[in-house]
C-alpha atoms as a PDB file:
ATOM      1  CA  MET A   1     -59.606   5.787-254.356  1.00  0.00           C
ATOM      2  CA  SER A   2     -56.453   6.823-252.522  1.00  0.00           C
ATOM      3  CA  GLU A   3     -55.931   6.231-248.828  1.00  0.00           C
ATOM      4  CA  ARG A   4     -57.204   9.042-246.604  1.00  0.00           C
ATOM      5  CA  PHE A   5     -54.492  10.951-244.721  1.00  0.00           C
ATOM      6  CA  PHE A   6     -55.731  12.298-241.379  1.00  0.00           C
ATOM      7  CA  LEU A   7     -53.975  15.204-239.715  1.00  0.00           C
ATOM      8  CA  TYR A   8     -55.822  14.252-236.536  1.00  0.00           C
ATOM      9  CA  ASP A   9     -58.914  12.299-235.555  1.00  0.00           C
ATOM     10  CA  GLU A  10     -59.814  12.742-231.896  1.00  0.00           C
ATOM     11  CA  THR A  11     -62.928  12.642-229.756  1.00  0.00           C
ATOM     12  CA  GLU A  12     -63.359  14.952-226.768  1.00  0.00           C
ATOM     13  CA  GLU A  13     -66.050  15.709-224.210  1.00  0.00           C
ATOM     14  CA  THR A  14     -67.041  19.373-224.505  1.00  0.00           C
ATOM     15  CA  LYS A  15     -69.368  21.735-222.706  1.00  0.00           C
ATOM     16  CA  THR A  16     -71.764  23.704-224.897  1.00  0.00           C
ATOM     17  CA  ARG A  17     -73.880  26.691-223.864  1.00  0.00           C
ATOM     18  CA  TYR A  18     -76.750  27.752-226.118  1.00  0.00           C
ATOM     19  CA  VAL A  19     -77.733  31.411-225.856  1.00  0.00           C
ATOM     20  CA  SER A  20     -80.307  33.462-227.728  1.00  0.00           C
ATOM     21  CA  PHE A  21     -80.649  37.200-227.228  1.00  0.00           C
ATOM     22  CA  MET A  22     -82.061  40.157-229.076  1.00  0.00           C
ATOM     23  CA  GLY A  23     -79.867  43.145-229.839  1.00  0.00           C
ATOM     24  CA  ASP A  24     -81.172  46.511-230.986  1.00  0.00           C
ATOM     25  CA  SER A  25     -81.550  45.337-234.579  1.00  0.00           C
ATOM     26  CA  GLN A  26     -80.613  41.655-234.707  1.00  0.00           C
ATOM     27  CA  ARG A  27     -81.283  38.382-232.923  1.00  0.00           C
ATOM     28  CA  PHE A  28     -78.273  36.266-231.968  1.00  0.00           C
ATOM     29  CA  ASP A  29     -78.553  32.482-231.571  1.00  0.00           C
ATOM     30  CA  LEU A  30     -75.198  31.196-230.391  1.00  0.00           C
ATOM     31  CA  ALA A  31     -73.566  27.956-229.376  1.00  0.00           C
ATOM     32  CA  ILE A  32     -70.523  28.573-227.172  1.00  0.00           C
ATOM     33  CA  ILE A  33     -68.318  25.496-227.043  1.00  0.00           C
ATOM     34  CA  ASN A  34     -65.704  25.010-224.338  1.00  0.00           C
ATOM     35  CA  THR A  35     -62.942  22.647-225.369  1.00  0.00           C
ATOM     36  CA  SER A  36     -59.371  21.891-224.351  1.00  0.00           C
ATOM     37  CA  ARG A  37     -58.262  22.756-227.882  1.00  0.00           C
ATOM     38  CA  TYR A  38     -57.507  26.223-229.219  1.00  0.00           C
ATOM     39  CA  TYR A  39     -55.354  27.380-226.302  1.00  0.00           C
ATOM     40  CA  GLY A  40     -58.245  28.223-223.977  1.00  0.00           C
ATOM     41  CA  LYS A  41     -60.280  30.066-226.598  1.00  0.00           C
ATOM     42  CA  LYS A  42     -63.923  29.219-227.215  1.00  0.00           C
ATOM     43  CA  LEU A  43     -65.570  28.066-230.413  1.00  0.00           C
ATOM     44  CA  ILE A  44     -68.480  30.430-231.103  1.00  0.00           C
ATOM     45  CA  LEU A  45     -71.138  29.297-233.582  1.00  0.00           C
ATOM     46  CA  ASP A  46     -73.754  31.754-234.812  1.00  0.00           C
ATOM     47  CA  ILE A  47     -76.569  29.403-235.734  1.00  0.00           C
ATOM     48  CA  GLN A  48     -78.589  32.067-237.600  1.00  0.00           C
ATOM     49  CA  SER A  49     -75.801  33.097-239.974  1.00  0.00           C
ATOM     50  CA  ASN A  50     -74.024  29.725-240.111  1.00  0.00           C
ATOM     51  CA  ARG A  51     -70.715  31.406-239.202  1.00  0.00           C
ATOM     52  CA  SER A  52     -68.197  30.415-236.565  1.00  0.00           C
ATOM     53  CA  ALA A  53     -64.971  31.664-235.027  1.00  0.00           C
ATOM     54  CA  ILE A  54     -62.454  30.631-232.403  1.00  0.00           C
ATOM     55  CA  ILE A  55     -62.438  33.545-229.974  1.00  0.00           C
ATOM     56  CA  GLY A  56     -60.473  34.627-226.919  1.00  0.00           C
ATOM     57  CA  THR A  57     -60.257  37.997-225.213  1.00  0.00           C
ATOM     58  CA  ASP A  58     -57.354  38.965-227.483  1.00  0.00           C
ATOM     59  CA  ASP A  59     -59.627  38.473-230.503  1.00  0.00           C
ATOM     60  CA  LEU A  60     -62.355  40.645-228.973  1.00  0.00           C
ATOM     61  CA  GLU A  61     -59.821  43.465-228.692  1.00  0.00           C
ATOM     62  CA  GLU A  62     -58.657  43.091-232.301  1.00  0.00           C
ATOM     63  CA  PRO A  63     -60.261  45.876-234.391  1.00  0.00           C
ATOM     64  CA  GLY A  64     -62.633  44.505-237.023  1.00  0.00           C
ATOM     65  CA  TYR A  65     -62.290  40.854-235.990  1.00  0.00           C
ATOM     66  CA  ILE A  66     -65.897  40.268-234.899  1.00  0.00           C
ATOM     67  CA  GLU A  67     -67.214  42.316-237.816  1.00  0.00           C
ATOM     68  CA  HIS A  68     -65.265  40.173-240.271  1.00  0.00           C
ATOM     69  CA  ALA A  69     -65.766  36.772-238.625  1.00  0.00           C
ATOM     70  CA  PHE A  70     -69.546  37.116-238.371  1.00  0.00           C
ATOM     71  CA  GLN A  71     -70.108  39.576-241.256  1.00  0.00           C
ATOM     72  CA  LEU A  72     -71.728  42.181-238.984  1.00  0.00           C
ATOM     73  CA  ASN A  73     -72.017  45.943-239.132  1.00  0.00           C
ATOM     74  CA  ASP A  74     -70.322  47.965-236.378  1.00  0.00           C
ATOM     75  CA  GLU A  75     -73.422  48.286-234.190  1.00  0.00           C
ATOM     76  CA  ASP A  76     -74.319  44.581-234.246  1.00  0.00           C
ATOM     77  CA  ALA A  77     -70.678  43.584-233.796  1.00  0.00           C
ATOM     78  CA  ASN A  78     -70.410  45.792-230.705  1.00  0.00           C
ATOM     79  CA  GLU A  79     -73.492  44.135-229.193  1.00  0.00           C
ATOM     80  CA  LEU A  80     -72.051  40.686-229.825  1.00  0.00           C
ATOM     81  CA  ARG A  81     -68.619  41.767-228.572  1.00  0.00           C
ATOM     82  CA  ASP A  82     -70.117  43.148-225.338  1.00  0.00           C
ATOM     83  CA  PHE A  83     -71.894  39.833-224.727  1.00  0.00           C
ATOM     84  CA  LEU A  84     -68.823  37.751-225.513  1.00  0.00           C
ATOM     85  CA  TYR A  85     -66.715  39.774-223.047  1.00  0.00           C
ATOM     86  CA  GLU A  86     -69.114  38.490-220.365  1.00  0.00           C
ATOM     87  CA  VAL A  87     -68.717  34.813-221.290  1.00  0.00           C
ATOM     88  CA  ILE A  88     -65.115  34.485-222.471  1.00  0.00           C
END
């Protein structure tokens, strides 16, 4: 077995908020992780779909980003986007 080459291996204290809410047609169970990494963006984990994305306000304004990252239709993506604008 060859020697493992790490790009980085760090431990950090983070703050995680768990939120569950019901949209018009879908339930969202999210973990919102605040970290000093990712240039002030937050790590958003959708526990139901097992998808995640690193998101800042610039990403929320990018057309199609939320739809693609979480594999959502336009309506569900807009509900998630509206919520994330409140917390990011």
